[in-house]
Amino acid sequence: MRKIFKKATALGRKGFTLIELLIVIAIIGILAVGLLIALDPVDQARKGADSNTLRTASEVKSAITRTYVSTTCWPWQTLSGTTCTNAVGCVNGAVYVLGAPGCGATVSTALVASGELKSYSSTLISLLVNDGTTTSWQVAFQPTSKSVATSSVLKYTTTACSTPAGVGATGICAAAGSACQYCIAQ
């Protein structure tokens, strides 16, 4: 009888009890939830979108410069004789959303028609327009992710890009989706 009891006890020690398994599963579950909270998958997706928008804004900036070099007019202007004048609906010093009706559509259409930009169908990027006598213009976007908006590396302004990022800019946004703009000066 003792041999059977010892053998049964020895067999019981080879595996885990149900309680031990439940405790291990609970610990793994708690760690998994903590990891998901730390990584914040929604903010990671928004961070990727912000990264794409920043890349597109840089492409738009380069396309505007190339258009000016090849046509001697900005994409929001038309050439009349030897003078560049603003297109209808494009006012000096105003901010327009690229791709939106009005001046924004005029600029994005001109960039695509000139071959300097493949296509543009978004409305995430804004543009501060000036006339041909002033070569100051800026492209900007509003960050949507918490990590990009509160980055200590990127600088933002709360105005419609009258100040380029990093030069007298206010710094870090209070939160994602606030009125902060990341401005890319020419």
C-alpha atoms as a PDB file:
ATOM      1  CA  MET A   1       0.000   0.000   0.000  1.00  0.00           C
ATOM      2  CA  ARG A   2       2.823   2.378   0.803  1.00  0.00           C
ATOM      3  CA  LYS A   3       4.424   1.692  -2.565  1.00  0.00           C
ATOM      4  CA  ILE A   4       1.194   2.587  -4.355  1.00  0.00           C
ATOM      5  CA  PHE A   5       0.830   5.822  -2.315  1.00  0.00           C
ATOM      6  CA  LYS A   6       4.461   6.813  -3.006  1.00  0.00           C
ATOM      7  CA  LYS A   7       4.001   6.071  -6.696  1.00  0.00           C
ATOM      8  CA  ALA A   8       0.765   8.108  -6.841  1.00  0.00           C
ATOM      9  CA  THR A   9       2.471  11.025  -5.056  1.00  0.00           C
ATOM     10  CA  ALA A  10       5.413  10.867  -7.433  1.00  0.00           C
ATOM     11  CA  LEU A  11       3.079  10.860 -10.432  1.00  0.00           C
ATOM     12  CA  GLY A  12       1.225  13.906  -9.050  1.00  0.00           C
ATOM     13  CA  ARG A  13       4.462  15.898  -8.902  1.00  0.00           C
ATOM     14  CA  LYS A  14       5.254  15.408 -12.577  1.00  0.00           C
ATOM     15  CA  GLY A  15       2.530  17.827 -13.783  1.00  0.00           C
ATOM     16  CA  PHE A  16       0.935  21.097 -12.739  1.00  0.00           C
ATOM     17  CA  THR A  17      -2.221  21.403 -10.736  1.00  0.00           C
ATOM     18  CA  LEU A  18      -5.200  23.225 -12.169  1.00  0.00           C
ATOM     19  CA  ILE A  19      -4.681  26.130  -9.776  1.00  0.00           C
ATOM     20  CA  GLU A  20      -1.045  26.494 -10.795  1.00  0.00           C
ATOM     21  CA  LEU A  21      -2.025  26.560 -14.471  1.00  0.00           C
ATOM     22  CA  LEU A  22      -4.723  29.173 -13.841  1.00  0.00           C
ATOM     23  CA  ILE A  23      -2.252  31.379 -11.969  1.00  0.00           C
ATOM     24  CA  VAL A  24       0.282  31.186 -14.829  1.00  0.00           C
ATOM     25  CA  ILE A  25      -2.432  31.981 -17.407  1.00  0.00           C
ATOM     26  CA  ALA A  26      -3.604  34.956 -15.303  1.00  0.00           C
ATOM     27  CA  ILE A  27      -0.057  36.332 -15.057  1.00  0.00           C
ATOM     28  CA  ILE A  28       0.455  35.986 -18.818  1.00  0.00           C
ATOM     29  CA  GLY A  29      -2.893  37.740 -19.394  1.00  0.00           C
ATOM     30  CA  ILE A  30      -1.951  40.636 -17.113  1.00  0.00           C
ATOM     31  CA  LEU A  31       1.403  41.038 -18.893  1.00  0.00           C
ATOM     32  CA  ALA A  32      -0.297  40.973 -22.311  1.00  0.00           C
ATOM     33  CA  VAL A  33      -2.797  43.668 -21.290  1.00  0.00           C
ATOM     34  CA  GLY A  34       0.037  45.788 -19.885  1.00  0.00           C
ATOM     35  CA  LEU A  35       1.974  45.420 -23.130  1.00  0.00           C
ATOM     36  CA  LEU A  36      -1.024  46.462 -25.227  1.00  0.00           C
ATOM     37  CA  ILE A  37      -1.557  49.519 -23.052  1.00  0.00           C
ATOM     38  CA  ALA A  38       2.120  50.458 -23.314  1.00  0.00           C
ATOM     39  CA  LEU A  39       2.247  50.063 -27.096  1.00  0.00           C
ATOM     40  CA  ASP A  40      -1.117  51.768 -27.782  1.00  0.00           C
ATOM     41  CA  PRO A  41      -1.841  50.244 -31.209  1.00  0.00           C
ATOM     42  CA  VAL A  42      -4.261  53.038 -32.166  1.00  0.00           C
ATOM     43  CA  ASP A  43      -1.595  55.695 -31.607  1.00  0.00           C
ATOM     44  CA  GLN A  44       0.914  53.565 -33.517  1.00  0.00           C
ATOM     45  CA  ALA A  45      -1.452  53.543 -36.519  1.00  0.00           C
ATOM     46  CA  ARG A  46      -1.896  57.317 -36.235  1.00  0.00           C
ATOM     47  CA  LYS A  47       1.875  57.728 -35.971  1.00  0.00           C
ATOM     48  CA  GLY A  48       2.242  55.840 -39.247  1.00  0.00           C
ATOM     49  CA  ALA A  49      -0.370  58.082 -40.847  1.00  0.00           C
ATOM     50  CA  ASP A  50       1.475  61.180 -39.572  1.00  0.00           C
ATOM     51  CA  SER A  51       4.695  59.830 -41.013  1.00  0.00           C
ATOM     52  CA  ASN A  52       3.019  59.374 -44.424  1.00  0.00           C
ATOM     53  CA  THR A  53       1.501  62.865 -44.240  1.00  0.00           C
ATOM     54  CA  LEU A  54       4.894  64.382 -43.404  1.00  0.00           C
ATOM     55  CA  ARG A  55       6.440  62.566 -46.380  1.00  0.00           C
ATOM     56  CA  THR A  56       3.639  63.797 -48.656  1.00  0.00           C
ATOM     57  CA  ALA A  57       4.015  67.361 -47.325  1.00  0.00           C
ATOM     58  CA  SER A  58       7.720  67.231 -48.154  1.00  0.00           C
ATOM     59  CA  GLU A  59       6.890  65.966 -51.667  1.00  0.00           C
ATOM     60  CA  VAL A  60       4.381  68.810 -52.122  1.00  0.00           C
ATOM     61  CA  LYS A  61       7.004  71.327 -50.962  1.00  0.00           C
ATOM     62  CA  SER A  62       9.521  69.994 -53.479  1.00  0.00           C
ATOM     63  CA  ALA A  63       6.897  69.925 -56.246  1.00  0.00           C
ATOM     64  CA  ILE A  64       6.038  73.598 -55.609  1.00  0.00           C
ATOM     65  CA  THR A  65       9.704  74.554 -55.865  1.00  0.00           C
ATOM     66  CA  ARG A  66      10.206  72.535 -59.067  1.00  0.00           C
ATOM     67  CA  THR A  67       7.080  74.081 -60.606  1.00  0.00           C
ATOM     68  CA  TYR A  68       8.407  77.572 -59.903  1.00  0.00           C
ATOM     69  CA  VAL A  69      11.799  76.725 -61.390  1.00  0.00           C
ATOM     70  CA  SER A  70      10.255  75.349 -64.590  1.00  0.00           C
ATOM     71  CA  THR A  71       7.462  77.915 -65.082  1.00  0.00           C
ATOM     72  CA  THR A  72       8.726  80.991 -63.137  1.00  0.00           C
ATOM     73  CA  CYS A  73       5.283  81.144 -61.476  1.00  0.00           C
ATOM     74  CA  TRP A  74       4.028  79.504 -58.317  1.00  0.00           C
ATOM     75  CA  PRO A  75       1.335  76.834 -58.786  1.00  0.00           C
ATOM     76  CA  TRP A  76      -1.274  79.244 -57.373  1.00  0.00           C
ATOM     77  CA  GLN A  77      -0.404  81.769 -60.095  1.00  0.00           C
ATOM     78  CA  THR A  78      -0.965  82.089 -63.813  1.00  0.00           C
ATOM     79  CA  LEU A  79       1.436  83.618 -66.311  1.00  0.00           C
ATOM     80  CA  SER A  80       0.026  86.572 -68.231  1.00  0.00           C
ATOM     81  CA  GLY A  81       2.639  87.876 -70.656  1.00  0.00           C
ATOM     82  CA  THR A  82       5.695  88.151 -68.436  1.00  0.00           C
ATOM     83  CA  THR A  83       3.798  88.672 -65.178  1.00  0.00           C
ATOM     84  CA  CYS A  84       2.638  86.048 -62.700  1.00  0.00           C
ATOM     85  CA  THR A  85      -0.676  86.859 -61.029  1.00  0.00           C
ATOM     86  CA  ASN A  86      -2.609  84.897 -58.469  1.00  0.00           C
ATOM     87  CA  ALA A  87      -5.263  82.568 -59.840  1.00  0.00           C
ATOM     88  CA  VAL A  88      -8.906  83.296 -59.109  1.00  0.00           C
ATOM     89  CA  GLY A  89      -9.665  82.486 -55.481  1.00  0.00           C
ATOM     90  CA  CYS A  90      -6.018  82.515 -54.340  1.00  0.00           C
ATOM     91  CA  VAL A  91      -5.395  85.412 -51.972  1.00  0.00           C
ATOM     92  CA  ASN A  92      -1.966  86.447 -50.734  1.00  0.00           C
ATOM     93  CA  GLY A  93      -1.250  85.497 -47.133  1.00  0.00           C
ATOM     94  CA  ALA A  94      -4.188  83.087 -46.904  1.00  0.00           C
ATOM     95  CA  VAL A  95      -4.048  79.442 -45.890  1.00  0.00           C
ATOM     96  CA  TYR A  96      -5.658  76.835 -48.125  1.00  0.00           C
ATOM     97  CA  VAL A  97      -6.141  73.105 -47.708  1.00  0.00           C
ATOM     98  CA  LEU A  98      -4.651  71.276 -50.673  1.00  0.00           C
ATOM     99  CA  GLY A  99      -7.227  69.313 -52.604  1.00  0.00           C
ATOM    100  CA  ALA A 100     -10.145  71.269 -51.092  1.00  0.00           C
ATOM    101  CA  PRO A 101     -12.358  73.328 -53.418  1.00  0.00           C
ATOM    102  CA  GLY A 102     -10.982  76.731 -54.409  1.00  0.00           C
ATOM    103  CA  CYS A 103      -7.323  77.640 -54.303  1.00  0.00           C
ATOM    104  CA  GLY A 104      -6.380  74.308 -52.695  1.00  0.00           C
ATOM    105  CA  ALA A 105      -7.754  72.421 -55.697  1.00  0.00           C
ATOM    106  CA  THR A 106      -6.097  74.908 -58.080  1.00  0.00           C
ATOM    107  CA  VAL A 107      -2.674  74.266 -56.520  1.00  0.00           C
ATOM    108  CA  SER A 108      -2.983  70.471 -56.346  1.00  0.00           C
ATOM    109  CA  THR A 109      -4.310  70.320 -59.925  1.00  0.00           C
ATOM    110  CA  ALA A 110      -1.459  72.543 -61.173  1.00  0.00           C
ATOM    111  CA  LEU A 111       1.147  70.359 -59.440  1.00  0.00           C
ATOM    112  CA  VAL A 112      -0.295  67.168 -60.929  1.00  0.00           C
ATOM    113  CA  ALA A 113      -0.761  68.738 -64.399  1.00  0.00           C
ATOM    114  CA  SER A 114       2.858  69.921 -64.435  1.00  0.00           C
ATOM    115  CA  GLY A 115       4.012  66.389 -63.682  1.00  0.00           C
ATOM    116  CA  GLU A 116       5.758  67.470 -60.491  1.00  0.00           C
ATOM    117  CA  LEU A 117       3.356  65.487 -58.297  1.00  0.00           C
ATOM    118  CA  LYS A 118       1.955  62.075 -59.242  1.00  0.00           C
ATOM    119  CA  SER A 119      -1.438  62.608 -57.725  1.00  0.00           C
ATOM    120  CA  TYR A 120      -2.998  64.320 -54.770  1.00  0.00           C
ATOM    121  CA  SER A 121      -6.384  63.439 -53.331  1.00  0.00           C
ATOM    122  CA  SER A 122      -5.955  64.116 -49.627  1.00  0.00           C
ATOM    123  CA  THR A 123      -7.060  67.131 -47.603  1.00  0.00           C
ATOM    124  CA  LEU A 124      -4.535  66.762 -44.770  1.00  0.00           C
ATOM    125  CA  ILE A 125      -1.989  69.343 -45.884  1.00  0.00           C
ATOM    126  CA  SER A 126      -2.407  73.099 -45.760  1.00  0.00           C
ATOM    127  CA  LEU A 127      -0.508  75.758 -47.701  1.00  0.00           C
ATOM    128  CA  LEU A 128       0.211  79.396 -46.809  1.00  0.00           C
ATOM    129  CA  VAL A 129       0.158  81.334 -50.088  1.00  0.00           C
ATOM    130  CA  ASN A 130       2.077  84.513 -50.941  1.00  0.00           C
ATOM    131  CA  ASP A 131       2.522  86.368 -54.219  1.00  0.00           C
ATOM    132  CA  GLY A 132       5.440  86.292 -56.662  1.00  0.00           C
ATOM    133  CA  THR A 133       7.132  89.349 -55.137  1.00  0.00           C
ATOM    134  CA  THR A 134       7.421  87.523 -51.812  1.00  0.00           C
ATOM    135  CA  THR A 135       8.918  84.078 -52.046  1.00  0.00           C
ATOM    136  CA  SER A 136       7.697  83.086 -48.615  1.00  0.00           C
ATOM    137  CA  TRP A 137       5.226  80.189 -48.519  1.00  0.00           C
ATOM    138  CA  GLN A 138       4.806  77.192 -46.257  1.00  0.00           C
ATOM    139  CA  VAL A 139       3.340  73.704 -46.290  1.00  0.00           C
ATOM    140  CA  ALA A 140       1.963  72.291 -43.033  1.00  0.00           C
ATOM    141  CA  PHE A 141      -0.016  69.472 -41.478  1.00  0.00           C
ATOM    142  CA  GLN A 142      -1.748  68.860 -38.172  1.00  0.00           C
ATOM    143  CA  PRO A 143      -0.491  65.748 -36.338  1.00  0.00           C
ATOM    144  CA  THR A 144      -3.082  63.185 -35.283  1.00  0.00           C
ATOM    145  CA  SER A 145      -0.972  60.907 -33.088  1.00  0.00           C
ATOM    146  CA  LYS A 146      -0.176  61.634 -29.482  1.00  0.00           C
ATOM    147  CA  SER A 147       3.446  60.546 -29.873  1.00  0.00           C
ATOM    148  CA  VAL A 148       4.153  62.816 -32.865  1.00  0.00           C
ATOM    149  CA  ALA A 149       2.250  65.804 -31.421  1.00  0.00           C
ATOM    150  CA  THR A 150       4.123  65.667 -28.126  1.00  0.00           C
ATOM    151  CA  SER A 151       7.543  64.869 -29.636  1.00  0.00           C
ATOM    152  CA  SER A 152      10.305  67.029 -28.225  1.00  0.00           C
ATOM    153  CA  VAL A 153      12.174  66.803 -31.541  1.00  0.00           C
ATOM    154  CA  LEU A 154       9.499  68.299 -33.817  1.00  0.00           C
ATOM    155  CA  LYS A 155       8.499  71.930 -33.267  1.00  0.00           C
ATOM    156  CA  TYR A 156       5.035  73.321 -33.878  1.00  0.00           C
ATOM    157  CA  THR A 157       3.243  76.625 -34.143  1.00  0.00           C
ATOM    158  CA  THR A 158      -0.339  77.335 -33.167  1.00  0.00           C
ATOM    159  CA  THR A 159      -0.841  79.800 -36.015  1.00  0.00           C
ATOM    160  CA  ALA A 160      -1.391  79.093 -39.679  1.00  0.00           C
ATOM    161  CA  CYS A 161       2.337  78.625 -40.249  1.00  0.00           C
ATOM    162  CA  SER A 162       3.458  82.206 -40.077  1.00  0.00           C
ATOM    163  CA  THR A 163       6.536  80.836 -38.290  1.00  0.00           C
ATOM    164  CA  PRO A 164       8.477  77.873 -39.605  1.00  0.00           C
ATOM    165  CA  ALA A 165       8.911  74.930 -37.276  1.00  0.00           C
ATOM    166  CA  GLY A 166      11.995  75.209 -35.119  1.00  0.00           C
ATOM    167  CA  VAL A 167      12.429  78.967 -35.632  1.00  0.00           C
ATOM    168  CA  GLY A 168      10.572  80.789 -32.909  1.00  0.00           C
ATOM    169  CA  ALA A 169       7.980  78.036 -32.834  1.00  0.00           C
ATOM    170  CA  THR A 170       6.071  77.364 -29.666  1.00  0.00           C
ATOM    171  CA  GLY A 171       7.408  73.824 -29.322  1.00  0.00           C
ATOM    172  CA  ILE A 172       5.455  70.785 -28.238  1.00  0.00           C
ATOM    173  CA  CYS A 173       1.703  70.507 -28.852  1.00  0.00           C
ATOM    174  CA  ALA A 174      -0.553  70.212 -25.836  1.00  0.00           C
ATOM    175  CA  ALA A 175      -2.245  67.170 -27.350  1.00  0.00           C
ATOM    176  CA  ALA A 176      -2.937  65.464 -30.646  1.00  0.00           C
ATOM    177  CA  GLY A 177      -5.655  67.127 -32.683  1.00  0.00           C
ATOM    178  CA  SER A 178      -5.089  70.543 -31.096  1.00  0.00           C
ATOM    179  CA  ALA A 179      -4.503  73.595 -33.275  1.00  0.00           C
ATOM    180  CA  CYS A 180      -0.787  72.854 -33.630  1.00  0.00           C
ATOM    181  CA  GLN A 181       0.662  72.800 -37.120  1.00  0.00           C
ATOM    182  CA  TYR A 182       3.969  71.272 -38.171  1.00  0.00           C
ATOM    183  CA  CYS A 183       5.243  73.721 -40.778  1.00  0.00           C
ATOM    184  CA  ILE A 184       7.702  72.983 -43.541  1.00  0.00           C
ATOM    185  CA  ALA A 185       9.181  76.211 -44.839  1.00  0.00           C
ATOM    186  CA  GLN A 186      10.685  76.414 -48.288  1.00  0.00           C
END
